[in-house]
C-alpha atoms as a PDB file:
ATOM      1  CA  MET A   1      20.961  20.080  14.058  1.00  0.00           C
ATOM      2  CA  GLY A   2      24.025  19.212  12.073  1.00  0.00           C
ATOM      3  CA  GLY A   3      22.917  15.671  11.672  1.00  0.00           C
ATOM      4  CA  LEU A   4      19.379  16.770  10.535  1.00  0.00           C
ATOM      5  CA  ARG A   5      21.006  19.036   7.999  1.00  0.00           C
ATOM      6  CA  ARG A   6      23.129  15.921   6.698  1.00  0.00           C
ATOM      7  CA  LEU A   7      19.993  14.004   6.600  1.00  0.00           C
ATOM      8  CA  TYR A   8      18.257  16.762   4.921  1.00  0.00           C
ATOM      9  CA  ALA A   9      20.992  17.108   2.081  1.00  0.00           C
ATOM     10  CA  TRP A  10      20.994  13.475   1.664  1.00  0.00           C
ATOM     11  CA  VAL A  11      17.202  13.371   1.315  1.00  0.00           C
ATOM     12  CA  LEU A  12      17.595  16.103  -1.280  1.00  0.00           C
ATOM     13  CA  SER A  13      20.029  14.140  -3.445  1.00  0.00           C
ATOM     14  CA  TRP A  14      17.375  11.531  -4.104  1.00  0.00           C
ATOM     15  CA  ALA A  15      15.605  14.243  -6.589  1.00  0.00           C
ATOM     16  CA  GLN A  16      18.630  13.880  -9.004  1.00  0.00           C
ATOM     17  CA  SER A  17      18.632   9.998  -8.606  1.00  0.00           C
ATOM     18  CA  PRO A  18      16.761   7.820 -11.271  1.00  0.00           C
ATOM     19  CA  TRP A  19      15.861   5.794  -7.912  1.00  0.00           C
ATOM     20  CA  GLY A  20      14.186   8.676  -6.376  1.00  0.00           C
ATOM     21  CA  PRO A  21      10.584   7.772  -7.121  1.00  0.00           C
ATOM     22  CA  ALA A  22      10.959   4.142  -6.220  1.00  0.00           C
ATOM     23  CA  ALA A  23      12.464   5.013  -3.042  1.00  0.00           C
ATOM     24  CA  LEU A  24       9.451   7.423  -2.254  1.00  0.00           C
ATOM     25  CA  PHE A  25       7.041   4.610  -2.844  1.00  0.00           C
ATOM     26  CA  VAL A  26       8.925   2.116  -0.827  1.00  0.00           C
ATOM     27  CA  LEU A  27       9.351   4.987   2.006  1.00  0.00           C
ATOM     28  CA  ALA A  28       5.424   5.879   1.740  1.00  0.00           C
ATOM     29  CA  PHE A  29       4.437   2.227   2.027  1.00  0.00           C
ATOM     30  CA  VAL A  30       6.407   1.071   5.207  1.00  0.00           C
ATOM     31  CA  GLU A  31       5.884   4.359   6.824  1.00  0.00           C
ATOM     32  CA  SER A  32       2.256   3.534   6.874  1.00  0.00           C
ATOM     33  CA  SER A  33       2.605   0.326   8.552  1.00  0.00           C
ATOM     34  CA  PHE A  34       5.630   0.241  10.596  1.00  0.00           C
ATOM     35  CA  PHE A  35       8.702   2.422   9.673  1.00  0.00           C
ATOM     36  CA  PRO A  36       9.177   5.377  11.845  1.00  0.00           C
ATOM     37  CA  ILE A  37      10.370   8.009   9.194  1.00  0.00           C
ATOM     38  CA  PRO A  38       7.459   9.781   7.220  1.00  0.00           C
ATOM     39  CA  PRO A  39       7.757  10.196   3.419  1.00  0.00           C
ATOM     40  CA  ASP A  40       7.033  13.960   3.450  1.00  0.00           C
ATOM     41  CA  PRO A  41      10.618  15.007   3.356  1.00  0.00           C
ATOM     42  CA  LEU A  42      11.568  12.770   0.430  1.00  0.00           C
ATOM     43  CA  LEU A  43       8.438  14.097  -1.330  1.00  0.00           C
ATOM     44  CA  ILE A  44       9.362  17.388  -0.797  1.00  0.00           C
ATOM     45  CA  ALA A  45      13.109  16.962  -1.882  1.00  0.00           C
ATOM     46  CA  LEU A  46      11.758  15.187  -5.075  1.00  0.00           C
ATOM     47  CA  CYS A  47       9.272  18.017  -6.144  1.00  0.00           C
ATOM     48  CA  LEU A  48      11.886  20.475  -5.457  1.00  0.00           C
ATOM     49  CA  GLY A  49      14.221  18.762  -7.710  1.00  0.00           C
ATOM     50  CA  ALA A  50      11.568  18.213 -10.653  1.00  0.00           C
ATOM     51  CA  VAL A  51       9.008  20.710 -10.111  1.00  0.00           C
ATOM     52  CA  THR A  52       6.930  19.720 -13.079  1.00  0.00           C
ATOM     53  CA  ARG A  53       6.556  16.196 -11.928  1.00  0.00           C
ATOM     54  CA  SER A  54       5.196  17.223  -8.527  1.00  0.00           C
ATOM     55  CA  TRP A  55       1.602  15.879  -9.133  1.00  0.00           C
ATOM     56  CA  MET A  56       3.144  12.479 -10.107  1.00  0.00           C
ATOM     57  CA  PHE A  57       5.220  12.207  -7.002  1.00  0.00           C
ATOM     58  CA  ALA A  58       2.273  13.059  -4.779  1.00  0.00           C
ATOM     59  CA  LEU A  59       0.184  10.489  -6.592  1.00  0.00           C
ATOM     60  CA  ASN A  60       3.201   7.872  -6.181  1.00  0.00           C
ATOM     61  CA  CYS A  61       3.570   8.805  -2.555  1.00  0.00           C
ATOM     62  CA  THR A  62      -0.523   8.643  -2.092  1.00  0.00           C
ATOM     63  CA  ILE A  63      -0.939   5.096  -3.634  1.00  0.00           C
ATOM     64  CA  ALA A  64       2.138   3.756  -1.667  1.00  0.00           C
ATOM     65  CA  SER A  65       0.928   5.321   1.502  1.00  0.00           C
ATOM     66  CA  VAL A  66      -2.762   3.568   0.988  1.00  0.00           C
ATOM     67  CA  LEU A  67      -1.204   0.381   0.030  1.00  0.00           C
ATOM     68  CA  GLY A  68       1.171   0.350   3.131  1.00  0.00           C
ATOM     69  CA  GLY A  69      -1.786   1.523   5.231  1.00  0.00           C
ATOM     70  CA  MET A  70      -3.709  -1.748   4.082  1.00  0.00           C
ATOM     71  CA  LEU A  71      -0.595  -3.791   5.345  1.00  0.00           C
ATOM     72  CA  GLY A  72      -0.926  -1.960   8.626  1.00  0.00           C
ATOM     73  CA  TYR A  73      -4.587  -2.746   8.919  1.00  0.00           C
ATOM     74  CA  VAL A  74      -3.453  -6.665   8.373  1.00  0.00           C
ATOM     75  CA  ILE A  75      -0.945  -6.265  11.039  1.00  0.00           C
ATOM     76  CA  GLY A  76      -3.618  -5.050  13.516  1.00  0.00           C
ATOM     77  CA  MET A  77      -6.130  -7.559  12.442  1.00  0.00           C
ATOM     78  CA  THR A  78      -3.768 -10.657  12.460  1.00  0.00           C
ATOM     79  CA  ALA A  79      -0.518 -10.036  14.080  1.00  0.00           C
ATOM     80  CA  PHE A  80      -1.315  -7.286  16.607  1.00  0.00           C
ATOM     81  CA  ASP A  81       0.456  -8.969  19.626  1.00  0.00           C
ATOM     82  CA  TRP A  82       3.797  -9.800  17.999  1.00  0.00           C
ATOM     83  CA  VAL A  83       4.051  -6.674  15.411  1.00  0.00           C
ATOM     84  CA  GLY A  84       1.336  -4.218  16.428  1.00  0.00           C
ATOM     85  CA  LEU A  85       1.963  -4.029  20.159  1.00  0.00           C
ATOM     86  CA  PRO A  86       5.584  -3.277  19.912  1.00  0.00           C
ATOM     87  CA  ILE A  87       5.086  -0.465  17.460  1.00  0.00           C
ATOM     88  CA  LEU A  88       2.524   1.213  20.013  1.00  0.00           C
ATOM     89  CA  GLU A  89       5.092   0.653  22.817  1.00  0.00           C
ATOM     90  CA  PHE A  90       7.666   2.394  20.534  1.00  0.00           C
ATOM     91  CA  TYR A  91       5.498   5.516  20.465  1.00  0.00           C
ATOM     92  CA  GLY A  92       4.221   5.138  23.935  1.00  0.00           C
ATOM     93  CA  LYS A  93       0.353   4.585  23.040  1.00  0.00           C
ATOM     94  CA  VAL A  94      -0.491   1.425  24.537  1.00  0.00           C
ATOM     95  CA  ASP A  95      -2.427   2.780  27.473  1.00  0.00           C
ATOM     96  CA  ASP A  96      -4.472   4.713  24.761  1.00  0.00           C
ATOM     97  CA  PHE A  97      -5.084   1.490  22.735  1.00  0.00           C
ATOM     98  CA  GLU A  98      -8.501   0.431  23.913  1.00  0.00           C
ATOM     99  CA  ARG A  99      -9.929   3.832  23.829  1.00  0.00           C
ATOM    100  CA  TYR A 100      -8.948   4.417  20.232  1.00  0.00           C
ATOM    101  CA  ARG A 101     -10.011   0.944  19.356  1.00  0.00           C
ATOM    102  CA  GLU A 102     -13.445   1.605  20.205  1.00  0.00           C
ATOM    103  CA  LEU A 103     -13.392   5.084  18.758  1.00  0.00           C
ATOM    104  CA  PHE A 104     -12.451   3.239  15.252  1.00  0.00           C
ATOM    105  CA  ARG A 105     -15.409   0.848  15.536  1.00  0.00           C
ATOM    106  CA  ALA A 106     -17.689   3.678  16.393  1.00  0.00           C
ATOM    107  CA  GLN A 107     -16.363   6.478  13.662  1.00  0.00           C
ATOM    108  CA  GLY A 108     -13.493   5.104  11.983  1.00  0.00           C
ATOM    109  CA  ASP A 109     -14.048   6.786   8.735  1.00  0.00           C
ATOM    110  CA  LEU A 110     -14.004  10.269  10.194  1.00  0.00           C
ATOM    111  CA  ALA A 111     -11.015   9.118  12.606  1.00  0.00           C
ATOM    112  CA  VAL A 112      -8.855   7.846  10.037  1.00  0.00           C
ATOM    113  CA  PHE A 113      -9.469  10.863   7.594  1.00  0.00           C
ATOM    114  CA  VAL A 114      -8.671  13.396  10.281  1.00  0.00           C
ATOM    115  CA  ALA A 115      -5.312  11.369  11.221  1.00  0.00           C
ATOM    116  CA  ALA A 116      -4.283  11.047   7.669  1.00  0.00           C
ATOM    117  CA  LEU A 117      -4.185  14.791   7.281  1.00  0.00           C
ATOM    118  CA  THR A 118      -1.911  15.258  10.645  1.00  0.00           C
ATOM    119  CA  PRO A 119       1.295  14.436  11.636  1.00  0.00           C
ATOM    120  CA  VAL A 120       0.103  11.613  13.615  1.00  0.00           C
ATOM    121  CA  PRO A 121       2.142   8.606  12.606  1.00  0.00           C
ATOM    122  CA  TYR A 122      -0.088   6.822  10.325  1.00  0.00           C
ATOM    123  CA  LYS A 123       0.937   3.499  11.200  1.00  0.00           C
ATOM    124  CA  LEU A 124      -0.797   3.952  14.580  1.00  0.00           C
ATOM    125  CA  VAL A 125      -4.096   4.496  12.608  1.00  0.00           C
ATOM    126  CA  THR A 126      -3.935   1.722  10.364  1.00  0.00           C
ATOM    127  CA  ILE A 127      -2.813  -0.948  13.022  1.00  0.00           C
ATOM    128  CA  THR A 128      -5.558   0.172  15.312  1.00  0.00           C
ATOM    129  CA  ALA A 129      -8.252   0.384  12.412  1.00  0.00           C
ATOM    130  CA  GLY A 130      -7.252  -3.375  11.737  1.00  0.00           C
ATOM    131  CA  ALA A 131      -7.368  -4.227  15.423  1.00  0.00           C
ATOM    132  CA  ALA A 132     -10.918  -2.867  15.600  1.00  0.00           C
ATOM    133  CA  ASP A 133     -11.955  -4.646  12.451  1.00  0.00           C
ATOM    134  CA  MET A 134     -13.081  -1.514  10.826  1.00  0.00           C
ATOM    135  CA  ASN A 135     -14.955  -1.425   7.549  1.00  0.00           C
ATOM    136  CA  VAL A 136     -12.351  -1.884   4.849  1.00  0.00           C
ATOM    137  CA  PRO A 137     -13.874   0.124   2.207  1.00  0.00           C
ATOM    138  CA  GLY A 138     -14.473   2.879   4.613  1.00  0.00           C
ATOM    139  CA  PHE A 139     -11.000   2.785   5.737  1.00  0.00           C
ATOM    140  CA  VAL A 140      -9.467   2.735   2.390  1.00  0.00           C
ATOM    141  CA  LEU A 141     -11.676   5.534   0.830  1.00  0.00           C
ATOM    142  CA  ALA A 142     -10.575   7.742   4.054  1.00  0.00           C
ATOM    143  CA  SER A 143      -7.061   7.028   3.547  1.00  0.00           C
ATOM    144  CA  ILE A 144      -7.148   7.927  -0.093  1.00  0.00           C
ATOM    145  CA  VAL A 145      -8.861  11.166   0.690  1.00  0.00           C
ATOM    146  CA  GLY A 146      -7.000  12.190   3.682  1.00  0.00           C
ATOM    147  CA  ARG A 147      -3.473  10.880   2.396  1.00  0.00           C
ATOM    148  CA  GLY A 148      -4.192  12.215  -1.025  1.00  0.00           C
ATOM    149  CA  ALA A 149      -5.002  15.859   0.401  1.00  0.00           C
ATOM    150  CA  ARG A 150      -2.019  15.896   2.389  1.00  0.00           C
ATOM    151  CA  PHE A 151       0.562  14.909  -0.189  1.00  0.00           C
ATOM    152  CA  PHE A 152      -1.152  16.664  -2.802  1.00  0.00           C
ATOM    153  CA  ALA A 153      -1.237  19.887  -0.991  1.00  0.00           C
ATOM    154  CA  VAL A 154       2.536  19.610  -0.417  1.00  0.00           C
ATOM    155  CA  ALA A 155       3.165  18.948  -4.124  1.00  0.00           C
ATOM    156  CA  GLY A 156       0.657  21.643  -5.181  1.00  0.00           C
ATOM    157  CA  LEU A 157       2.375  24.558  -2.967  1.00  0.00           C
ATOM    158  CA  ILE A 158       6.028  23.441  -4.248  1.00  0.00           C
ATOM    159  CA  TRP A 159       4.830  23.496  -7.930  1.00  0.00           C
ATOM    160  CA  TRP A 160       3.320  26.813  -7.251  1.00  0.00           C
ATOM    161  CA  ARG A 161       6.412  28.353  -5.644  1.00  0.00           C
ATOM    162  CA  GLY A 162       9.108  25.696  -6.044  1.00  0.00           C
ATOM    163  CA  GLU A 163      12.121  27.950  -5.725  1.00  0.00           C
ATOM    164  CA  GLN A 164      10.687  30.410  -3.185  1.00  0.00           C
ATOM    165  CA  ILE A 165       9.569  27.387  -0.884  1.00  0.00           C
ATOM    166  CA  ALA A 166      13.294  25.713  -1.378  1.00  0.00           C
ATOM    167  CA  GLY A 167      14.977  29.132  -0.287  1.00  0.00           C
ATOM    168  CA  PHE A 168      12.730  29.177   2.694  1.00  0.00           C
ATOM    169  CA  ILE A 169      13.455  25.660   3.516  1.00  0.00           C
ATOM    170  CA  GLU A 170      17.082  26.248   3.428  1.00  0.00           C
ATOM    171  CA  ARG A 171      16.862  29.622   5.697  1.00  0.00           C
ATOM    172  CA  HIS A 172      14.775  28.179   8.236  1.00  0.00           C
ATOM    173  CA  PHE A 173      15.658  24.629   8.570  1.00  0.00           C
ATOM    174  CA  GLU A 174      16.292  24.401  12.198  1.00  0.00           C
ATOM    175  CA  LYS A 175      13.014  26.154  12.922  1.00  0.00           C
ATOM    176  CA  LEU A 176      11.035  24.018  10.576  1.00  0.00           C
ATOM    177  CA  SER A 177      12.677  20.995  12.252  1.00  0.00           C
ATOM    178  CA  ILE A 178      11.410  22.320  15.703  1.00  0.00           C
ATOM    179  CA  ALA A 179       8.078  23.006  14.271  1.00  0.00           C
ATOM    180  CA  PHE A 180       7.446  19.695  12.785  1.00  0.00           C
ATOM    181  CA  ALA A 181       8.069  18.163  16.242  1.00  0.00           C
ATOM    182  CA  VAL A 182       5.708  20.613  17.726  1.00  0.00           C
ATOM    183  CA  LEU A 183       2.912  19.653  14.979  1.00  0.00           C
ATOM    184  CA  LEU A 184       3.557  15.751  16.020  1.00  0.00           C
ATOM    185  CA  VAL A 185       2.769  16.379  19.459  1.00  0.00           C
ATOM    186  CA  GLY A 186       0.004  18.879  18.386  1.00  0.00           C
ATOM    187  CA  GLY A 187      -1.650  16.261  16.012  1.00  0.00           C
ATOM    188  CA  PHE A 188      -1.737  13.690  18.985  1.00  0.00           C
ATOM    189  CA  VAL A 189      -3.541  16.459  21.104  1.00  0.00           C
ATOM    190  CA  ALA A 190      -5.990  17.424  18.162  1.00  0.00           C
ATOM    191  CA  PHE A 191      -6.797  14.091  17.623  1.00  0.00           C
ATOM    192  CA  ARG A 192      -7.555  13.309  21.378  1.00  0.00           C
ATOM    193  CA  PHE A 193      -9.603  16.720  21.436  1.00  0.00           C
ATOM    194  CA  LEU A 194     -11.758  15.824  18.528  1.00  0.00           C
ATOM    195  CA  PHE A 195     -12.711  12.282  19.342  1.00  0.00           C
ATOM    196  CA  ASP A 196     -12.238  11.702  23.131  1.00  0.00           C
ATOM    197  CA  HIS A 197     -15.260  14.139  23.833  1.00  0.00           C
END
């Protein structure tokens, strides 16, 4: 947990940096297409460091995530074998690919929206949607609504109770780290439960 605390402290340091919003944009963009670290910790750090700008940080994160999702879509559509497949292998989701590709062909808008709200790594969704040749306007709209709801909810909570939330995170960091891991697994379970029946 010591390493996680150091990472958390480093992430919070971006809140005082003029490069913080740019770093958030880049992180949200690459996370939606290939990078393993989600933008949420940096979004939280920036919002805590400048509460009155929380809405702008959420908008920044949403726009970048959707644009990165479009790159993920292109990867799935045009470069699945040499880029998309290794990413699925990293997450251990190769065996599920065919089933999820058919799911995205059948009810892609809803699947993208649900996944965009959960801790499921979004790159798995964007790459699979591209490989399934999902309707592009539906994909983009579901991404905007789902990712926007997620990031604006985080920013809104901090805007509403900024200092209290910061203190809560500091006091319960280890538990929250474990909870996030549980939510990540739970996101996969919920996604499978909703769409595999």
